[in-house]
Amino acid sequence: MGRKSLKEERQREIIKVFYKVAKKEGYENTSIAKIAKVMDINPSLVIHYFETKEDLTYALIDYILERYLLIFTVEQKKGGTILDLQKTIEMLFSKKWNLLFDDGLFYTFYALAFREKKIKVKYKAILDSLRFTLATIIDQCNKANTLKIADPQGTADLIFVLVDGAYFYLSLESDKQAYGERLDYYKNKAYQILGIAPAISSTDSADSLIGGQVHTDL
């Protein structure tokens, strides 16, 4: 068990360096040799854990899923509340969510999904997991009679369609004030879809509601 834990720890370390190098130099310009150089180790050690750059890519995409799921802080066994739902919406439409993973790499991998079936499957797993977990919280609120949503899964899907479209558009926006105003606008649309009142009035205040549980640096 100890050896397995050490292996996982080293793999996670390599994945993090891969992310940082790819974020700085671009995915296409990142190689196992460059990763090894940053880590000050022999490239053979990286290859021992990840035989190819593609293997590293798959592992990083899996790691993305783990990080994105951190926004759902509610413990499913206890049941979701309206407050849990509000916290989730605040996080989804916050700077922390947008900074959770570099836009350039996210869309690079997204483009690769059209050429590589394995990446496509992994990306769909990420999106399906996020939608399912949000739908579960909505369903729990329904069962607690604090919400009346006829189609929790469809509603969760619609909100994530809004999230995905919003951040792609906002990634092109350089005006910080315009960015914040549009993000608030999209967030309020999500609240309208759910039929609940906003938790707070500004995305800049989301940290106080979320409690700083998600770190934006891999």
Foldseek 3Di string as FASTA:
>chain_A
DVVVVVLVVVLVVLLQLLQVVCLVPNNVPDALVVSCVVVVHDSVVVCVNPVGVVSSVLVNLVVLLVQLVLQQPDDLVVAAEVLSLLLSLLCLLAVLNLLQGDPRVVVVLVVCVVVDVSSVVSVVVSVQVQLVSQLSNLVRHVVVVNFDDPRSSVLSNVLVVLSVVLSVVLVPDPDPVVNFVSSLVSSVVNCVSRVHDRPDRGSVCSCVSSVPRRDSRD
